[in-house]
PDB file of N, CA and C in Angstrom:
ATOM      1  N   MET A   1     100.255  86.607  99.147  1.00  0.00           N
ATOM      2  CA  MET A   1      99.326  87.711  99.255  1.00  0.00           C
ATOM      3  C   MET A   1      98.421  87.462 100.459  1.00  0.00           C
ATOM      4  N   ARG A   2      97.963  88.534 101.052  1.00  0.00           N
ATOM      5  CA  ARG A   2      97.034  88.419 102.166  1.00  0.00           C
ATOM      6  C   ARG A   2      95.855  89.340 101.895  1.00  0.00           C
ATOM      7  N   THR A   3      94.665  88.862 102.226  1.00  0.00           N
ATOM      8  CA  THR A   3      93.475  89.688 102.116  1.00  0.00           C
ATOM      9  C   THR A   3      92.665  89.563 103.394  1.00  0.00           C
ATOM     10  N   PHE A   4      91.872  90.582 103.650  1.00  0.00           N
ATOM     11  CA  PHE A   4      90.970  90.596 104.794  1.00  0.00           C
ATOM     12  C   PHE A   4      89.555  90.687 104.258  1.00  0.00           C
ATOM     13  N   ILE A   5      88.685  89.843 104.787  1.00  0.00           N
ATOM     14  CA  ILE A   5      87.320  89.751 104.296  1.00  0.00           C
ATOM     15  C   ILE A   5      86.359  89.923 105.464  1.00  0.00           C
ATOM     16  N   LYS A   6      85.427  90.850 105.318  1.00  0.00           N
ATOM     17  CA  LYS A   6      84.379  91.075 106.319  1.00  0.00           C
ATOM     18  C   LYS A   6      83.297  90.029 106.116  1.00  0.00           C
ATOM     19  N   ILE A   7      82.888  89.379 107.199  1.00  0.00           N
ATOM     20  CA  ILE A   7      81.901  88.309 107.133  1.00  0.00           C
ATOM     21  C   ILE A   7      80.694  88.694 107.965  1.00  0.00           C
ATOM     22  N   GLU A   8      79.521  88.640 107.361  1.00  0.00           N
ATOM     23  CA  GLU A   8      78.269  88.973 108.050  1.00  0.00           C
ATOM     24  C   GLU A   8      77.621  87.705 108.622  1.00  0.00           C
ATOM     25  N   GLY A   9      77.123  87.792 109.854  1.00  0.00           N
ATOM     26  CA  GLY A   9      76.374  86.694 110.460  1.00  0.00           C
ATOM     27  C   GLY A   9      77.222  85.606 111.092  1.00  0.00           C
ATOM     28  N   LEU A  10      78.476  85.884 111.335  1.00  0.00           N
ATOM     29  CA  LEU A  10      79.384  84.897 111.899  1.00  0.00           C
ATOM     30  C   LEU A  10      79.134  84.721 113.394  1.00  0.00           C
ATOM     31  N   THR A  11      79.121  83.474 113.857  1.00  0.00           N
ATOM     32  CA  THR A  11      78.973  83.187 115.283  1.00  0.00           C
ATOM     33  C   THR A  11      80.182  82.377 115.757  1.00  0.00           C
ATOM     34  N   ASP A  12      80.342  82.279 117.075  1.00  0.00           N
ATOM     35  CA  ASP A  12      81.452  81.514 117.651  1.00  0.00           C
ATOM     36  C   ASP A  12      81.487  80.087 117.128  1.00  0.00           C
ATOM     37  N   ALA A  13      80.317  79.477 117.032  1.00  0.00           N
ATOM     38  CA  ALA A  13      80.246  78.072 116.626  1.00  0.00           C
ATOM     39  C   ALA A  13      80.695  77.851 115.190  1.00  0.00           C
ATOM     40  N   HIS A  14      80.643  78.879 114.370  1.00  0.00           N
ATOM     41  CA  HIS A  14      80.958  78.717 112.949  1.00  0.00           C
ATOM     42  C   HIS A  14      82.347  79.197 112.556  1.00  0.00           C
ATOM     43  N   ALA A  15      83.060  79.817 113.456  1.00  0.00           N
ATOM     44  CA  ALA A  15      84.378  80.351 113.115  1.00  0.00           C
ATOM     45  C   ALA A  15      85.364  79.244 112.750  1.00  0.00           C
ATOM     46  N   GLU A  16      85.446  78.209 113.541  1.00  0.00           N
ATOM     47  CA  GLU A  16      86.402  77.124 113.264  1.00  0.00           C
ATOM     48  C   GLU A  16      86.029  76.356 111.995  1.00  0.00           C
ATOM     49  N   PRO A  17      84.762  75.989 111.790  1.00  0.00           N
ATOM     50  CA  PRO A  17      84.427  75.321 110.522  1.00  0.00           C
ATOM     51  C   PRO A  17      84.725  76.193 109.302  1.00  0.00           C
ATOM     52  N   LEU A  18      84.469  77.485 109.393  1.00  0.00           N
ATOM     53  CA  LEU A  18      84.758  78.367 108.263  1.00  0.00           C
ATOM     54  C   LEU A  18      86.267  78.480 108.035  1.00  0.00           C
ATOM     55  N   THR A  19      87.037  78.493 109.104  1.00  0.00           N
ATOM     56  CA  THR A  19      88.494  78.499 108.982  1.00  0.00           C
ATOM     57  C   THR A  19      88.960  77.253 108.240  1.00  0.00           C
ATOM     58  N   ARG A  20      88.409  76.106 108.589  1.00  0.00           N
ATOM     59  CA  ARG A  20      88.789  74.855 107.920  1.00  0.00           C
ATOM     60  C   ARG A  20      88.398  74.877 106.445  1.00  0.00           C
ATOM     61  N   VAL A  21      87.231  75.418 106.129  1.00  0.00           N
ATOM     62  CA  VAL A  21      86.790  75.515 104.731  1.00  0.00           C
ATOM     63  C   VAL A  21      87.761  76.377 103.933  1.00  0.00           C
ATOM     64  N   LEU A  22      88.151  77.508 104.489  1.00  0.00           N
ATOM     65  CA  LEU A  22      89.086  78.392 103.788  1.00  0.00           C
ATOM     66  C   LEU A  22      90.450  77.733 103.613  1.00  0.00           C
ATOM     67  N   ARG A  23      90.933  77.069 104.637  1.00  0.00           N
ATOM     68  CA  ARG A  23      92.247  76.420 104.555  1.00  0.00           C
ATOM     69  C   ARG A  23      92.254  75.274 103.546  1.00  0.00           C
ATOM     70  N   ALA A  24      91.098  74.716 103.255  1.00  0.00           N
ATOM     71  CA  ALA A  24      91.006  73.603 102.305  1.00  0.00           C
ATOM     72  C   ALA A  24      91.060  74.055 100.846  1.00  0.00           C
ATOM     73  N   VAL A  25      90.932  75.347 100.605  1.00  0.00           N
ATOM     74  CA  VAL A  25      90.970  75.862  99.232  1.00  0.00           C
ATOM     75  C   VAL A  25      92.392  75.727  98.698  1.00  0.00           C
ATOM     76  N   ASP A  26      92.520  75.134  97.509  1.00  0.00           N
ATOM     77  CA  ASP A  26      93.825  74.972  96.888  1.00  0.00           C
ATOM     78  C   ASP A  26      94.438  76.345  96.639  1.00  0.00           C
ATOM     79  N   GLY A  27      95.597  76.583  97.211  1.00  0.00           N
ATOM     80  CA  GLY A  27      96.274  77.865  97.078  1.00  0.00           C
ATOM     81  C   GLY A  27      96.235  78.701  98.346  1.00  0.00           C
ATOM     82  N   VAL A  28      95.393  78.332  99.308  1.00  0.00           N
ATOM     83  CA  VAL A  28      95.364  79.045 100.584  1.00  0.00           C
ATOM     84  C   VAL A  28      96.475  78.486 101.462  1.00  0.00           C
ATOM     85  N   VAL A  29      97.344  79.370 101.924  1.00  0.00           N
ATOM     86  CA  VAL A  29      98.463  78.981 102.777  1.00  0.00           C
ATOM     87  C   VAL A  29      98.022  78.933 104.228  1.00  0.00           C
ATOM     88  N   ASP A  30      97.216  79.919 104.642  1.00  0.00           N
ATOM     89  CA  ASP A  30      96.699  79.960 106.011  1.00  0.00           C
ATOM     90  C   ASP A  30      95.474  80.853 106.047  1.00  0.00           C
ATOM     91  N   ALA A  31      94.616  80.608 107.019  1.00  0.00           N
ATOM     92  CA  ALA A  31      93.420  81.427 107.206  1.00  0.00           C
ATOM     93  C   ALA A  31      93.087  81.470 108.687  1.00  0.00           C
ATOM     94  N   GLU A  32      92.637  82.629 109.130  1.00  0.00           N
ATOM     95  CA  GLU A  32      92.181  82.813 110.504  1.00  0.00           C
ATOM     96  C   GLU A  32      90.887  83.601 110.455  1.00  0.00           C
ATOM     97  N   VAL A  33      89.919  83.190 111.255  1.00  0.00           N
ATOM     98  CA  VAL A  33      88.635  83.880 111.310  1.00  0.00           C
ATOM     99  C   VAL A  33      88.447  84.430 112.708  1.00  0.00           C
ATOM    100  N   SER A  34      88.228  85.736 112.814  1.00  0.00           N
ATOM    101  CA  SER A  34      88.004  86.400 114.088  1.00  0.00           C
ATOM    102  C   SER A  34      86.517  86.671 114.264  1.00  0.00           C
ATOM    103  N   VAL A  35      85.925  86.053 115.282  1.00  0.00           N
ATOM    104  CA  VAL A  35      84.504  86.272 115.555  1.00  0.00           C
ATOM    105  C   VAL A  35      84.281  87.689 116.063  1.00  0.00           C
ATOM    106  N   GLU A  36      85.184  88.175 116.914  1.00  0.00           N
ATOM    107  CA  GLU A  36      85.029  89.505 117.499  1.00  0.00           C
ATOM    108  C   GLU A  36      84.955  90.592 116.427  1.00  0.00           C
ATOM    109  N   ASP A  37      85.814  90.476 115.418  1.00  0.00           N
ATOM    110  CA  ASP A  37      85.867  91.476 114.353  1.00  0.00           C
ATOM    111  C   ASP A  37      85.031  91.094 113.140  1.00  0.00           C
ATOM    112  N   ALA A  38      84.583  89.830 113.093  1.00  0.00           N
ATOM    113  CA  ALA A  38      83.858  89.284 111.934  1.00  0.00           C
ATOM    114  C   ALA A  38      84.685  89.455 110.664  1.00  0.00           C
ATOM    115  N   ILE A  39      85.977  89.120 110.789  1.00  0.00           N
ATOM    116  CA  ILE A  39      86.904  89.268 109.666  1.00  0.00           C
ATOM    117  C   ILE A  39      87.714  87.985 109.501  1.00  0.00           C
ATOM    118  N   ALA A  40      87.857  87.581 108.243  1.00  0.00           N
ATOM    119  CA  ALA A  40      88.760  86.485 107.907  1.00  0.00           C
ATOM    120  C   ALA A  40      90.031  87.090 107.342  1.00  0.00           C
ATOM    121  N   SER A  41      91.153  86.609 107.816  1.00  0.00           N
ATOM    122  CA  SER A  41      92.462  86.975 107.283  1.00  0.00           C
ATOM    123  C   SER A  41      92.973  85.754 106.532  1.00  0.00           C
ATOM    124  N   VAL A  42      93.216  85.914 105.229  1.00  0.00           N
ATOM    125  CA  VAL A  42      93.589  84.770 104.406  1.00  0.00           C
ATOM    126  C   VAL A  42      94.903  85.057 103.684  1.00  0.00           C
ATOM    127  N   LEU A  43      95.854  84.160 103.874  1.00  0.00           N
ATOM    128  CA  LEU A  43      97.135  84.214 103.174  1.00  0.00           C
ATOM    129  C   LEU A  43      97.058  83.187 102.050  1.00  0.00           C
ATOM    130  N   TYR A  44      97.327  83.641 100.809  1.00  0.00           N
ATOM    131  CA  TYR A  44      97.147  82.746  99.669  1.00  0.00           C
ATOM    132  C   TYR A  44      98.202  83.007  98.601  1.00  0.00           C
ATOM    133  N   ASP A  45      98.310  82.042  97.672  1.00  0.00           N
ATOM    134  CA  ASP A  45      99.264  82.200  96.577  1.00  0.00           C
ATOM    135  C   ASP A  45      98.509  82.428  95.260  1.00  0.00           C
ATOM    136  N   ILE A  46      99.231  82.370  94.149  1.00  0.00           N
ATOM    137  CA  ILE A  46      98.653  82.747  92.859  1.00  0.00           C
ATOM    138  C   ILE A  46      97.604  81.769  92.334  1.00  0.00           C
ATOM    139  N   ARG A  47      97.439  80.626  92.966  1.00  0.00           N
ATOM    140  CA  ARG A  47      96.438  79.657  92.509  1.00  0.00           C
ATOM    141  C   ARG A  47      95.014  80.053  92.869  1.00  0.00           C
ATOM    142  N   VAL A  48      94.849  81.063  93.696  1.00  0.00           N
ATOM    143  CA  VAL A  48      93.514  81.466  94.144  1.00  0.00           C
ATOM    144  C   VAL A  48      93.425  82.982  94.098  1.00  0.00           C
ATOM    145  N   ASP A  49      92.208  83.506  94.011  1.00  0.00           N
ATOM    146  CA  ASP A  49      92.017  84.954  94.031  1.00  0.00           C
ATOM    147  C   ASP A  49      90.908  85.309  95.021  1.00  0.00           C
ATOM    148  N   VAL A  50      90.728  86.583  95.248  1.00  0.00           N
ATOM    149  CA  VAL A  50      89.751  87.042  96.242  1.00  0.00           C
ATOM    150  C   VAL A  50      88.338  86.624  95.851  1.00  0.00           C
ATOM    151  N   ALA A  51      88.007  86.671  94.577  1.00  0.00           N
ATOM    152  CA  ALA A  51      86.666  86.273  94.124  1.00  0.00           C
ATOM    153  C   ALA A  51      86.364  84.818  94.505  1.00  0.00           C
ATOM    154  N   THR A  52      87.358  83.962  94.391  1.00  0.00           N
ATOM    155  CA  THR A  52      87.181  82.557  94.774  1.00  0.00           C
ATOM    156  C   THR A  52      86.953  82.439  96.278  1.00  0.00           C
ATOM    157  N   LEU A  53      87.715  83.188  97.061  1.00  0.00           N
ATOM    158  CA  LEU A  53      87.537  83.153  98.513  1.00  0.00           C
ATOM    159  C   LEU A  53      86.152  83.632  98.907  1.00  0.00           C
ATOM    160  N   LEU A  54      85.688  84.712  98.275  1.00  0.00           N
ATOM    161  CA  LEU A  54      84.341  85.214  98.553  1.00  0.00           C
ATOM    162  C   LEU A  54      83.284  84.177  98.198  1.00  0.00           C
ATOM    163  N   ALA A  55      83.463  83.497  97.092  1.00  0.00           N
ATOM    164  CA  ALA A  55      82.511  82.472  96.667  1.00  0.00           C
ATOM    165  C   ALA A  55      82.455  81.319  97.662  1.00  0.00           C
ATOM    166  N   VAL A  56      83.610  80.915  98.176  1.00  0.00           N
ATOM    167  CA  VAL A  56      83.670  79.830  99.158  1.00  0.00           C
ATOM    168  C   VAL A  56      82.936  80.234 100.436  1.00  0.00           C
ATOM    169  N   ILE A  57      83.145  81.457 100.881  1.00  0.00           N
ATOM    170  CA  ILE A  57      82.482  81.941 102.091  1.00  0.00           C
ATOM    171  C   ILE A  57      80.977  82.022 101.868  1.00  0.00           C
ATOM    172  N   LYS A  58      80.560  82.490 100.711  1.00  0.00           N
ATOM    173  CA  LYS A  58      79.126  82.581 100.402  1.00  0.00           C
ATOM    174  C   LYS A  58      78.502  81.195 100.304  1.00  0.00           C
ATOM    175  N   GLN A  59      79.230  80.226  99.759  1.00  0.00           N
ATOM    176  CA  GLN A  59      78.731  78.849  99.705  1.00  0.00           C
ATOM    177  C   GLN A  59      78.558  78.268 101.104  1.00  0.00           C
ATOM    178  N   ALA A  60      79.357  78.766 102.045  1.00  0.00           N
ATOM    179  CA  ALA A  60      79.240  78.320 103.433  1.00  0.00           C
ATOM    180  C   ALA A  60      78.075  78.993 104.152  1.00  0.00           C
ATOM    181  N   GLY A  61      77.420  79.950 103.478  1.00  0.00           N
ATOM    182  CA  GLY A  61      76.224  80.553 104.038  1.00  0.00           C
ATOM    183  C   GLY A  61      76.374  81.951 104.608  1.00  0.00           C
ATOM    184  N   TYR A  62      77.455  82.637 104.269  1.00  0.00           N
ATOM    185  CA  TYR A  62      77.700  83.978 104.817  1.00  0.00           C
ATOM    186  C   TYR A  62      77.824  85.005 103.718  1.00  0.00           C
ATOM    187  N   ASP A  63      77.396  86.211 104.010  1.00  0.00           N
ATOM    188  CA  ASP A  63      77.675  87.332 103.129  1.00  0.00           C
ATOM    189  C   ASP A  63      79.085  87.808 103.437  1.00  0.00           C
ATOM    190  N   ALA A  64      79.828  88.171 102.402  1.00  0.00           N
ATOM    191  CA  ALA A  64      81.219  88.577 102.609  1.00  0.00           C
ATOM    192  C   ALA A  64      81.606  89.631 101.600  1.00  0.00           C
ATOM    193  N   ARG A  65      82.545  90.479 102.033  1.00  0.00           N
ATOM    194  CA  ARG A  65      83.078  91.500 101.131  1.00  0.00           C
ATOM    195  C   ARG A  65      84.527  91.759 101.515  1.00  0.00           C
ATOM    196  N   PRO A  66      85.372  92.054 100.525  1.00  0.00           N
ATOM    197  CA  PRO A  66      86.773  92.342 100.838  1.00  0.00           C
ATOM    198  C   PRO A  66      86.904  93.678 101.544  1.00  0.00           C
ATOM    199  N   LEU A  67      87.905  93.798 102.386  1.00  0.00           N
ATOM    200  CA  LEU A  67      88.199  95.072 103.063  1.00  0.00           C
ATOM    201  C   LEU A  67      89.345  95.761 102.375  1.00  0.00           C
TER     202      LEU A  67
END
């Protein structure tokens, strides 16, 4: 499954660390964070859900919502 998440307050310096945080979630196959669009694209399997991804992003200090 793939989801797209809008991220508020993202800067260039934080895109790579946030990508690493998302990729570290058990069940995430791949993640990419676009600073230009302020969107994370996350490919994941059944071990994780969108609510978990949103929680991880919020724990990293960003407001997020699914697209």
